[in-house]
Amino acid sequence: MDFFLPSGNSSKGSESGDLKWWQLSLIGVGCTIGTGFFLGSAIGIKITGPAIVFSFILAAIGTYIVYNLLAKMTAEDPQEGSFCYYANKAYGKWAGFSCGWNYWCSNILIMGSQLTALSILTRFWLPHVPLWIFAACYAILSIIVVLTGSKGFDKAENLFAVIKTAAIIMFIILAFAALTGVMDGDVTHPGFPGSAGDWFPEGFKGFWSSLIYAFYAYGGIEVIGLMATRLKKKEDAPKAGIIMLIVLVIIYVISLGLAVYMASHGEFNEKESPFVTAMEHYNLDFFPHVFNAAIIIAGFSTMTASLFGVTSLLVTLANDGDAPNLFSKKIKKWKDLPLPSLALATAGLIASIITALLLPGKIYEYITTAAGIMILFNWSFIIISALRILENKLFGKLLAIFGLILILAAVSGTLLEKSIRFGFFVSLLFVAIIAIAALIMQKAVWKNEGKGTC
């Protein structure tokens, strides 16, 4: 999952844009593919087996429902403010506050997940170095980038998006070359399963538990929906989303299908990308190194963009009265850097490093699960907001309800798998803290102010 920052909640609607629908589709593809797919999918395969392909198809349907509803709200009421604007519009200040802080917390967890993923991938070359040392190094590098405020970072992000997509395409080409005999190698592949039991070696429970990792790989789609305000024709937003998801599903399903065809279920693990696992029998000395480096570069860009994002988002929350005013302060002598906001985001990174030190074995599963669940909480906000704001016909309402059912299935599935269950309770803890804060704000502040904007 890649991260793009929604603009301030109190922003006015965008009257014009310069993006064509196909450009938004391409941006969406590049921004959505991240370490959640490159590494998180390995956990999904481990939990359910070849059926991970079906998990990704179901997650794509749920993702489309969320994007389509958000795009329709954006077309009807274009706002550069984040989707918490629509939550506030539908249900009041508490909903906008909860949505904004849930989004901030989820992206702190996402940074932790990416930080851990980068550390795991780097141990491919240095397996005996403790995980937390790599985590600390990447965190420091990311903070330095934010402090320098590099003007070329946006261009670098586009380059990194190309690298991520190219890495997957490289795997697909090499996999086809291997399977068609173009590449030398006396390798016997397990192939596609011949029965339902082979497709679902861990049973329905394993399939249910894998849904969260499929949804996590599509994470970020909610913010791409907000970029629809930059379209020349706002009504093209749903079409852009459909094309984007079709491309993503094709890339995801083909690459994962090839991976599970080429390697047996038991070979995959959370410490290695499934695509590296699938190709390791061919003794391609360059592939694991090149592929690993591509993922690390792309993952680092994602994490740094997230750090930029949560830093600015906290400033927005402070400006709207949903966070202490301290976090709205900027250092004018240092490129208007919101230092207090950056400091809090940095504290989140430090917490991830400490957690990696204490729980080196399961940290990636825990953080990724919690981050995925909190993303889905925000997706639920989008759906229930659309049900109140939009004039949906019966089919539209049924589709929205089906989307909620898929999200509920993904979230509840984490309780069935012992190895990731702890992540559910981590997300629940964050939600409880946000709910308590919203209750305090309701009684102490909003009761006197009345309804405001998110």
Protein backbone atom coordinates (compact mmCIF):
# COMPACT_ATOMS: atom_id res chain seq x y z
CA MET A 1 0.00 0.00 0.00
CA ASP A 2 1.19 3.46 -0.90
CA PHE A 3 0.02 6.58 0.86
CA PHE A 4 -1.18 9.92 -0.49
CA LEU A 5 -2.20 12.66 1.86
CA PRO A 6 -5.71 14.01 1.61
CA SER A 7 -5.75 17.76 1.82
CA GLY A 8 -7.11 19.71 4.75
CA ASN A 9 -10.57 18.79 5.86
CA SER A 10 -11.78 22.33 5.73
CA SER A 11 -10.69 22.93 2.18
CA LYS A 12 -13.13 24.13 -0.40
CA GLY A 13 -14.18 22.02 -3.30
CA SER A 14 -12.00 21.90 -6.34
CA GLU A 15 -13.57 23.65 -9.31
CA SER A 16 -11.15 22.47 -11.99
CA GLY A 17 -8.55 19.81 -12.58
CA ASP A 18 -5.96 18.75 -15.10
CA LEU A 19 -6.08 14.96 -14.91
CA LYS A 20 -7.64 12.70 -17.52
CA TRP A 21 -9.37 9.55 -16.29
CA TRP A 22 -6.68 7.22 -17.64
CA GLN A 23 -3.97 9.24 -15.88
CA LEU A 24 -5.78 8.80 -12.57
CA SER A 25 -6.00 5.06 -13.29
CA LEU A 26 -2.25 4.81 -13.85
CA ILE A 27 -1.50 6.87 -10.74
CA GLY A 28 -3.77 4.55 -8.77
CA VAL A 29 -1.98 1.43 -9.99
CA GLY A 30 1.44 2.81 -9.13
CA CYS A 31 0.36 4.10 -5.75
CA THR A 32 -1.53 1.04 -4.55
CA ILE A 33 1.17 -1.56 -5.20
CA GLY A 34 3.43 -1.70 -2.16
CA THR A 35 5.09 -3.93 0.42
CA GLY A 36 1.65 -5.14 1.48
CA PHE A 37 1.53 -7.04 -1.82
CA PHE A 38 5.22 -7.85 -2.21
CA LEU A 39 5.62 -9.33 1.28
CA GLY A 40 2.19 -9.41 2.96
CA SER A 41 0.83 -11.74 0.27
CA ALA A 42 3.34 -14.37 1.45
CA ILE A 43 1.51 -14.50 4.80
CA GLY A 44 -1.78 -14.85 2.95
CA ILE A 45 -0.44 -17.79 0.92
CA LYS A 46 0.95 -19.39 4.07
CA ILE A 47 -2.44 -19.09 5.79
CA THR A 48 -4.68 -20.30 2.97
CA GLY A 49 -2.58 -21.77 0.13
CA PRO A 50 -3.40 -21.34 -3.60
CA ALA A 51 -6.86 -19.99 -2.65
CA ILE A 52 -5.13 -16.64 -2.05
CA VAL A 53 -6.01 -15.90 -5.69
CA PHE A 54 -9.72 -15.98 -4.80
CA SER A 55 -9.06 -13.82 -1.73
CA PHE A 56 -7.61 -11.13 -3.99
CA ILE A 57 -10.60 -11.30 -6.34
CA LEU A 58 -13.06 -10.88 -3.45
CA ALA A 59 -10.98 -8.04 -2.02
CA ALA A 60 -11.03 -6.36 -5.44
CA ILE A 61 -14.84 -6.41 -5.41
CA GLY A 62 -14.92 -4.87 -1.94
CA THR A 63 -12.33 -2.29 -2.96
CA TYR A 64 -14.34 -1.30 -6.02
CA ILE A 65 -17.47 -0.79 -3.93
CA VAL A 66 -15.60 1.56 -1.58
CA TYR A 67 -13.91 3.49 -4.38
CA ASN A 68 -17.09 3.82 -6.41
CA LEU A 69 -19.07 5.25 -3.50
CA LEU A 70 -16.29 7.68 -2.61
CA ALA A 71 -15.96 8.76 -6.23
CA LYS A 72 -19.71 9.40 -6.43
CA MET A 73 -19.62 11.54 -3.28
CA THR A 74 -16.64 13.42 -4.70
CA ALA A 75 -18.42 14.01 -8.02
CA GLU A 76 -21.57 15.23 -6.26
CA ASP A 77 -19.78 17.39 -3.66
CA PRO A 78 -16.14 17.93 -4.72
CA GLN A 79 -14.04 18.47 -1.63
CA GLU A 80 -10.28 18.48 -1.38
CA GLY A 81 -10.76 17.66 2.28
CA SER A 82 -10.33 14.03 3.23
CA PHE A 83 -13.10 11.47 3.40
CA CYS A 84 -13.66 12.42 7.03
CA TYR A 85 -15.43 15.48 5.57
CA TYR A 86 -18.12 13.13 4.27
CA ALA A 87 -18.25 11.25 7.59
CA ASN A 88 -18.83 14.57 9.35
CA LYS A 89 -21.41 15.60 6.79
CA ALA A 90 -23.30 12.35 7.30
CA TYR A 91 -23.05 11.78 11.05
CA GLY A 92 -21.57 14.84 12.73
CA LYS A 93 -18.37 16.02 14.35
CA TRP A 94 -17.66 12.78 16.24
CA ALA A 95 -17.55 10.82 12.98
CA GLY A 96 -15.18 13.25 11.27
CA PHE A 97 -12.91 13.34 14.32
CA SER A 98 -12.86 9.55 14.64
CA CYS A 99 -12.26 9.08 10.91
CA GLY A 100 -9.36 11.54 10.88
CA TRP A 101 -7.60 10.09 13.91
CA ASN A 102 -8.25 6.51 12.82
CA TYR A 103 -6.62 7.40 9.52
CA TRP A 104 -3.62 8.95 11.28
CA CYS A 105 -3.19 5.92 13.54
CA SER A 106 -3.63 3.44 10.69
CA ASN A 107 -0.88 5.13 8.71
CA ILE A 108 1.43 5.13 11.73
CA LEU A 109 0.87 1.37 11.82
CA ILE A 110 1.39 1.18 8.06
CA MET A 111 4.74 2.94 8.47
CA GLY A 112 5.63 0.42 11.14
CA SER A 113 4.59 -2.41 8.83
CA GLN A 114 6.68 -1.01 5.96
CA LEU A 115 9.61 -0.37 8.27
CA THR A 116 9.52 -3.97 9.44
CA ALA A 117 9.09 -5.26 5.87
CA LEU A 118 12.15 -3.30 4.74
CA SER A 119 14.15 -4.71 7.64
CA ILE A 120 13.07 -8.28 6.87
CA LEU A 121 13.97 -7.88 3.21
CA THR A 122 17.38 -6.40 4.04
CA ARG A 123 18.17 -9.41 6.20
CA PHE A 124 18.21 -11.36 2.93
CA TRP A 125 21.78 -10.07 2.58
CA LEU A 126 22.70 -9.77 6.26
CA PRO A 127 20.70 -12.49 8.04
CA HIS A 128 22.47 -12.22 11.38
CA VAL A 129 21.89 -8.51 11.95
CA PRO A 130 19.01 -7.86 14.42
CA LEU A 131 15.79 -6.60 12.88
CA TRP A 132 15.63 -3.46 15.00
CA ILE A 133 19.00 -2.17 13.73
CA PHE A 134 17.74 -2.09 10.13
CA ALA A 135 14.47 -0.55 11.33
CA ALA A 136 16.37 2.22 13.11
CA CYS A 137 18.53 2.94 10.04
CA TYR A 138 15.57 3.17 7.66
CA ALA A 139 13.64 5.35 10.13
CA ILE A 140 16.57 7.78 10.43
CA LEU A 141 16.97 7.97 6.64
CA SER A 142 13.25 8.63 6.22
CA ILE A 143 13.28 11.42 8.82
CA ILE A 144 16.30 13.01 7.10
CA VAL A 145 14.41 13.07 3.79
CA VAL A 146 11.45 14.80 5.47
CA LEU A 147 13.74 17.31 7.19
CA THR A 148 15.47 18.24 3.94
CA GLY A 149 12.14 18.72 2.18
CA SER A 150 13.62 17.62 -1.13
CA LYS A 151 11.89 19.27 -4.11
CA GLY A 152 12.62 16.24 -6.24
CA PHE A 153 10.79 13.84 -3.97
CA ASP A 154 7.57 13.91 -6.02
CA LYS A 155 9.49 12.95 -9.15
CA ALA A 156 11.30 10.25 -7.20
CA GLU A 157 7.94 8.88 -6.05
CA ASN A 158 6.84 8.50 -9.67
CA LEU A 159 10.09 6.69 -10.46
CA PHE A 160 9.63 4.37 -7.50
CA ALA A 161 6.10 3.57 -8.65
CA VAL A 162 7.54 2.49 -12.01
CA ILE A 163 10.15 0.34 -10.23
CA LYS A 164 7.46 -1.47 -8.22
CA THR A 165 5.36 -2.23 -11.29
CA ALA A 166 8.42 -3.22 -13.31
CA ALA A 167 9.49 -5.68 -10.60
CA ILE A 168 6.18 -7.54 -10.86
CA ILE A 169 6.28 -7.52 -14.66
CA MET A 170 9.85 -8.86 -14.54
CA PHE A 171 8.68 -11.77 -12.39
CA ILE A 172 5.75 -12.51 -14.73
CA ILE A 173 8.05 -12.55 -17.79
CA LEU A 174 10.65 -14.76 -16.09
CA ALA A 175 7.98 -17.10 -14.76
CA PHE A 176 6.47 -17.57 -18.23
CA ALA A 177 9.97 -18.11 -19.64
CA ALA A 178 10.60 -20.78 -17.00
CA LEU A 179 7.30 -22.56 -17.54
CA THR A 180 7.59 -22.58 -21.35
CA GLY A 181 11.08 -24.06 -21.26
CA VAL A 182 12.91 -20.98 -22.50
CA MET A 183 14.99 -21.04 -19.33
CA ASP A 184 17.08 -24.08 -18.48
CA GLY A 185 16.27 -25.95 -15.31
CA ASP A 186 15.04 -29.42 -14.40
CA VAL A 187 12.30 -28.24 -12.06
CA THR A 188 9.03 -29.96 -11.26
CA HIS A 189 6.26 -27.56 -10.33
CA PRO A 190 3.29 -28.52 -8.15
CA GLY A 191 0.99 -26.85 -10.69
CA PHE A 192 -2.58 -25.76 -10.05
CA PRO A 193 -4.55 -27.84 -7.56
CA GLY A 194 -6.83 -30.51 -8.92
CA SER A 195 -9.38 -30.52 -6.12
CA ALA A 196 -11.07 -28.16 -3.66
CA GLY A 197 -8.99 -29.66 -0.86
CA ASP A 198 -5.79 -28.76 -2.70
CA TRP A 199 -7.01 -25.24 -3.40
CA PHE A 200 -7.89 -24.80 0.27
CA PRO A 201 -5.25 -26.85 2.15
CA GLU A 202 -5.95 -24.90 5.37
CA GLY A 203 -9.72 -25.18 4.97
CA PHE A 204 -12.31 -22.40 4.89
CA LYS A 205 -10.93 -20.94 8.11
CA GLY A 206 -7.56 -20.33 6.47
CA PHE A 207 -9.23 -18.71 3.46
CA TRP A 208 -11.32 -16.49 5.73
CA SER A 209 -8.21 -15.39 7.65
CA SER A 210 -6.31 -14.55 4.45
CA LEU A 211 -8.84 -11.92 3.33
CA ILE A 212 -7.24 -9.20 5.47
CA TYR A 213 -3.95 -9.47 3.54
CA ALA A 214 -5.72 -9.32 0.21
CA PHE A 215 -7.58 -6.17 1.28
CA TYR A 216 -4.35 -4.70 2.66
CA ALA A 217 -2.71 -5.02 -0.76
CA TYR A 218 -5.43 -2.73 -2.18
CA GLY A 219 -5.03 -0.22 0.66
CA GLY A 220 -4.65 3.39 -0.46
CA ILE A 221 -7.55 3.27 -2.88
CA GLU A 222 -9.57 5.55 -0.60
CA VAL A 223 -7.10 8.40 -1.06
CA ILE A 224 -6.84 7.88 -4.81
CA GLY A 225 -10.59 8.40 -4.80
CA LEU A 226 -9.99 11.84 -3.35
CA MET A 227 -7.68 12.67 -6.23
CA ALA A 228 -10.79 12.55 -8.40
CA THR A 229 -11.16 16.25 -7.52
CA ARG A 230 -8.24 16.83 -9.93
CA LEU A 231 -10.06 15.25 -12.89
CA LYS A 232 -11.06 17.47 -15.79
CA LYS A 233 -14.39 15.66 -15.77
CA LYS A 234 -15.44 14.67 -12.25
CA GLU A 235 -18.02 12.25 -13.66
CA ASP A 236 -15.14 10.12 -15.02
CA ALA A 237 -14.05 9.15 -11.49
CA PRO A 238 -15.96 5.81 -11.37
CA LYS A 239 -14.61 4.84 -14.80
CA ALA A 240 -11.05 5.62 -13.69
CA GLY A 241 -11.56 3.40 -10.65
CA ILE A 242 -12.90 0.48 -12.68
CA ILE A 243 -9.95 0.52 -15.10
CA MET A 244 -7.49 0.90 -12.23
CA LEU A 245 -8.91 -2.08 -10.38
CA ILE A 246 -9.05 -4.21 -13.53
CA VAL A 247 -5.34 -3.57 -14.11
CA LEU A 248 -4.52 -4.26 -10.45
CA VAL A 249 -6.54 -7.49 -10.42
CA ILE A 250 -4.82 -8.69 -13.60
CA ILE A 251 -1.36 -7.92 -12.19
CA TYR A 252 -2.12 -9.38 -8.76
CA VAL A 253 -3.94 -12.52 -9.90
CA ILE A 254 -1.50 -13.44 -12.68
CA SER A 255 1.60 -12.92 -10.52
CA LEU A 256 0.14 -14.75 -7.50
CA GLY A 257 -1.26 -17.49 -9.74
CA LEU A 258 2.20 -18.07 -11.20
CA ALA A 259 3.75 -18.05 -7.71
CA VAL A 260 1.42 -20.74 -6.31
CA TYR A 261 1.80 -22.75 -9.55
CA MET A 262 5.59 -22.78 -9.30
CA ALA A 263 6.06 -23.44 -5.57
CA SER A 264 4.26 -25.62 -3.06
CA HIS A 265 2.19 -24.18 -0.23
CA GLY A 266 4.73 -25.09 2.46
CA GLU A 267 7.59 -23.21 0.81
CA PHE A 268 6.15 -19.73 1.35
CA ASN A 269 6.94 -17.75 4.49
CA GLU A 270 6.61 -14.19 5.80
CA LYS A 271 10.36 -13.55 5.61
CA GLU A 272 10.57 -13.69 1.82
CA SER A 273 8.56 -12.36 -1.08
CA PRO A 274 6.46 -15.15 -2.66
CA PHE A 275 7.92 -14.24 -6.05
CA VAL A 276 11.47 -14.85 -4.86
CA THR A 277 10.31 -18.17 -3.40
CA ALA A 278 8.71 -19.18 -6.71
CA MET A 279 11.91 -18.54 -8.71
CA GLU A 280 14.52 -19.88 -6.30
CA HIS A 281 14.70 -23.35 -7.91
CA TYR A 282 15.99 -21.82 -11.15
CA ASN A 283 19.28 -20.65 -9.66
CA LEU A 284 18.93 -17.16 -11.11
CA ASP A 285 21.64 -15.50 -9.05
CA PHE A 286 20.61 -12.00 -10.09
CA PHE A 287 16.84 -12.29 -9.57
CA PRO A 288 16.57 -12.40 -5.76
CA HIS A 289 19.01 -9.49 -5.41
CA VAL A 290 17.44 -7.30 -8.09
CA PHE A 291 13.89 -8.07 -6.97
CA ASN A 292 14.72 -7.54 -3.32
CA ALA A 293 16.43 -4.22 -4.05
CA ALA A 294 13.46 -3.04 -6.13
CA ILE A 295 11.04 -3.81 -3.30
CA ILE A 296 13.25 -2.08 -0.72
CA ILE A 297 13.57 1.07 -2.83
CA ALA A 298 9.83 1.15 -3.47
CA GLY A 299 8.99 0.35 0.16
CA PHE A 300 11.26 3.09 1.45
CA SER A 301 9.58 5.63 -0.81
CA THR A 302 6.18 4.50 0.47
CA MET A 303 7.23 4.81 4.09
CA THR A 304 8.76 8.25 3.59
CA ALA A 305 5.69 9.47 1.72
CA SER A 306 3.61 8.20 4.63
CA LEU A 307 5.78 10.13 7.06
CA PHE A 308 5.25 13.28 4.99
CA GLY A 309 1.54 12.51 4.95
CA VAL A 310 0.86 11.87 8.63
CA THR A 311 2.96 14.90 9.54
CA SER A 312 0.79 17.19 7.40
CA LEU A 313 -2.43 15.42 8.36
CA LEU A 314 -1.84 16.14 12.06
CA VAL A 315 -1.40 19.83 11.19
CA THR A 316 -4.78 19.71 9.45
CA LEU A 317 -6.40 18.03 12.44
CA ALA A 318 -4.93 20.72 14.71
CA ASN A 319 -6.15 23.54 12.45
CA ASP A 320 -9.65 22.06 12.53
CA GLY A 321 -9.63 21.81 16.32
CA ASP A 322 -9.40 18.01 16.32
CA ALA A 323 -5.87 17.96 17.77
CA PRO A 324 -3.96 20.19 20.21
CA ASN A 325 -3.00 23.54 18.66
CA LEU A 326 0.67 22.75 19.33
CA PHE A 327 0.70 20.42 16.30
CA SER A 328 -0.30 23.20 13.91
CA LYS A 329 2.90 25.18 14.59
CA LYS A 330 5.51 25.36 11.84
CA ILE A 331 9.16 26.40 11.86
CA LYS A 332 9.36 29.25 9.32
CA LYS A 333 13.15 29.29 9.34
CA TRP A 334 13.12 25.64 8.26
CA LYS A 335 10.89 25.50 5.18
CA ASP A 336 7.72 25.83 7.30
CA LEU A 337 8.36 22.38 8.76
CA PRO A 338 5.67 21.30 11.27
CA LEU A 339 8.23 20.08 13.79
CA PRO A 340 5.81 19.10 16.63
CA SER A 341 3.74 17.04 14.19
CA LEU A 342 6.87 15.37 12.80
CA ALA A 343 8.03 14.64 16.33
CA LEU A 344 4.82 12.74 17.11
CA ALA A 345 5.06 10.74 13.89
CA THR A 346 8.69 9.98 14.74
CA ALA A 347 7.55 8.71 18.13
CA GLY A 348 5.35 6.25 16.25
CA LEU A 349 8.36 5.05 14.26
CA ILE A 350 10.38 4.65 17.47
CA ALA A 351 7.56 2.57 18.94
CA SER A 352 7.76 0.31 15.87
CA ILE A 353 11.52 -0.10 16.35
CA ILE A 354 11.07 -0.99 20.03
CA THR A 355 8.35 -3.47 19.11
CA ALA A 356 10.63 -5.03 16.49
CA LEU A 357 13.26 -5.41 19.19
CA LEU A 358 10.86 -7.09 21.63
CA LEU A 359 8.91 -9.23 19.13
CA PRO A 360 11.27 -9.97 16.22
CA GLY A 361 9.48 -13.16 15.23
CA LYS A 362 5.87 -12.01 14.76
CA ILE A 363 6.06 -8.24 14.50
CA TYR A 364 5.32 -8.03 10.76
CA GLU A 365 2.16 -10.15 10.98
CA TYR A 366 0.90 -8.22 14.01
CA ILE A 367 1.48 -4.71 12.66
CA THR A 368 0.31 -5.53 9.14
CA THR A 369 -2.88 -7.13 10.47
CA ALA A 370 -3.64 -4.16 12.74
CA ALA A 371 -2.92 -1.66 9.94
CA GLY A 372 -5.13 -3.57 7.51
CA ILE A 373 -8.02 -3.68 9.99
CA MET A 374 -7.83 0.07 10.67
CA ILE A 375 -7.83 0.82 6.95
CA LEU A 376 -11.02 -1.23 6.69
CA PHE A 377 -12.56 0.73 9.55
CA ASN A 378 -12.15 3.86 7.45
CA TRP A 379 -13.56 2.06 4.41
CA SER A 380 -16.61 1.25 6.53
CA PHE A 381 -16.94 4.97 7.30
CA ILE A 382 -16.93 5.68 3.57
CA ILE A 383 -19.69 3.15 2.87
CA ILE A 384 -22.01 4.16 5.71
CA SER A 385 -21.46 7.84 4.88
CA ALA A 386 -22.42 7.19 1.26
CA LEU A 387 -25.57 5.35 2.35
CA ARG A 388 -26.74 8.51 4.10
CA ILE A 389 -25.41 11.18 1.68
CA LEU A 390 -26.13 9.63 -1.71
CA GLU A 391 -29.52 8.82 -3.17
CA ASN A 392 -28.80 5.17 -3.80
CA LYS A 393 -31.20 2.91 -5.68
CA LEU A 394 -31.97 -0.55 -4.33
CA PHE A 395 -29.11 -2.20 -6.23
CA GLY A 396 -26.69 0.47 -5.00
CA LYS A 397 -27.77 -0.09 -1.40
CA LEU A 398 -27.43 -3.86 -1.74
CA LEU A 399 -23.97 -3.43 -3.25
CA ALA A 400 -22.93 -1.17 -0.36
CA ILE A 401 -24.21 -3.69 2.18
CA PHE A 402 -22.30 -6.46 0.37
CA GLY A 403 -19.18 -4.31 0.67
CA LEU A 404 -19.73 -4.02 4.43
CA ILE A 405 -20.16 -7.80 4.64
CA LEU A 406 -16.84 -8.36 2.85
CA ILE A 407 -15.10 -5.90 5.18
CA LEU A 408 -16.65 -7.58 8.21
CA ALA A 409 -15.48 -10.96 6.89
CA ALA A 410 -11.92 -9.69 6.47
CA VAL A 411 -11.79 -8.16 9.94
CA SER A 412 -13.43 -11.10 11.73
CA GLY A 413 -11.21 -13.57 9.89
CA THR A 414 -8.20 -12.33 11.83
CA LEU A 415 -9.71 -13.82 15.00
CA LEU A 416 -9.61 -17.31 13.49
CA GLU A 417 -5.86 -17.43 12.91
CA LYS A 418 -3.73 -17.58 16.05
CA SER A 419 -0.61 -16.19 14.34
CA ILE A 420 -2.32 -12.88 13.44
CA ARG A 421 -5.05 -12.62 16.11
CA PHE A 422 -3.02 -10.26 18.28
CA GLY A 423 -3.16 -7.67 15.49
CA PHE A 424 -6.95 -7.53 15.86
CA PHE A 425 -6.65 -6.57 19.52
CA VAL A 426 -4.00 -3.95 18.69
CA SER A 427 -6.42 -2.28 16.26
CA LEU A 428 -9.21 -2.54 18.85
CA LEU A 429 -7.02 -0.74 21.37
CA PHE A 430 -6.46 2.17 18.95
CA VAL A 431 -10.18 2.37 18.17
CA ALA A 432 -11.05 2.38 21.89
CA ILE A 433 -8.62 5.25 22.56
CA ILE A 434 -10.06 7.26 19.65
CA ALA A 435 -13.63 6.57 20.84
CA ILE A 436 -12.81 7.75 24.37
CA ALA A 437 -11.16 10.90 22.97
CA ALA A 438 -14.22 11.58 20.79
CA LEU A 439 -16.50 11.15 23.81
CA ILE A 440 -14.42 13.61 25.84
CA MET A 441 -14.44 16.12 22.97
CA GLN A 442 -18.19 15.72 22.60
CA LYS A 443 -18.83 16.58 26.23
CA ALA A 444 -16.12 19.21 26.70
CA VAL A 445 -15.93 21.04 23.35
CA TRP A 446 -18.45 20.18 20.63
CA LYS A 447 -21.48 20.39 22.91
CA ASN A 448 -20.86 24.12 23.17
CA GLU A 449 -19.74 24.64 19.59
CA GLY A 450 -22.47 22.73 17.81
CA LYS A 451 -21.74 21.00 14.52
CA GLY A 452 -18.68 22.07 12.61
CA THR A 453 -16.76 20.99 9.61
CA CYS A 454 -14.44 18.03 9.79
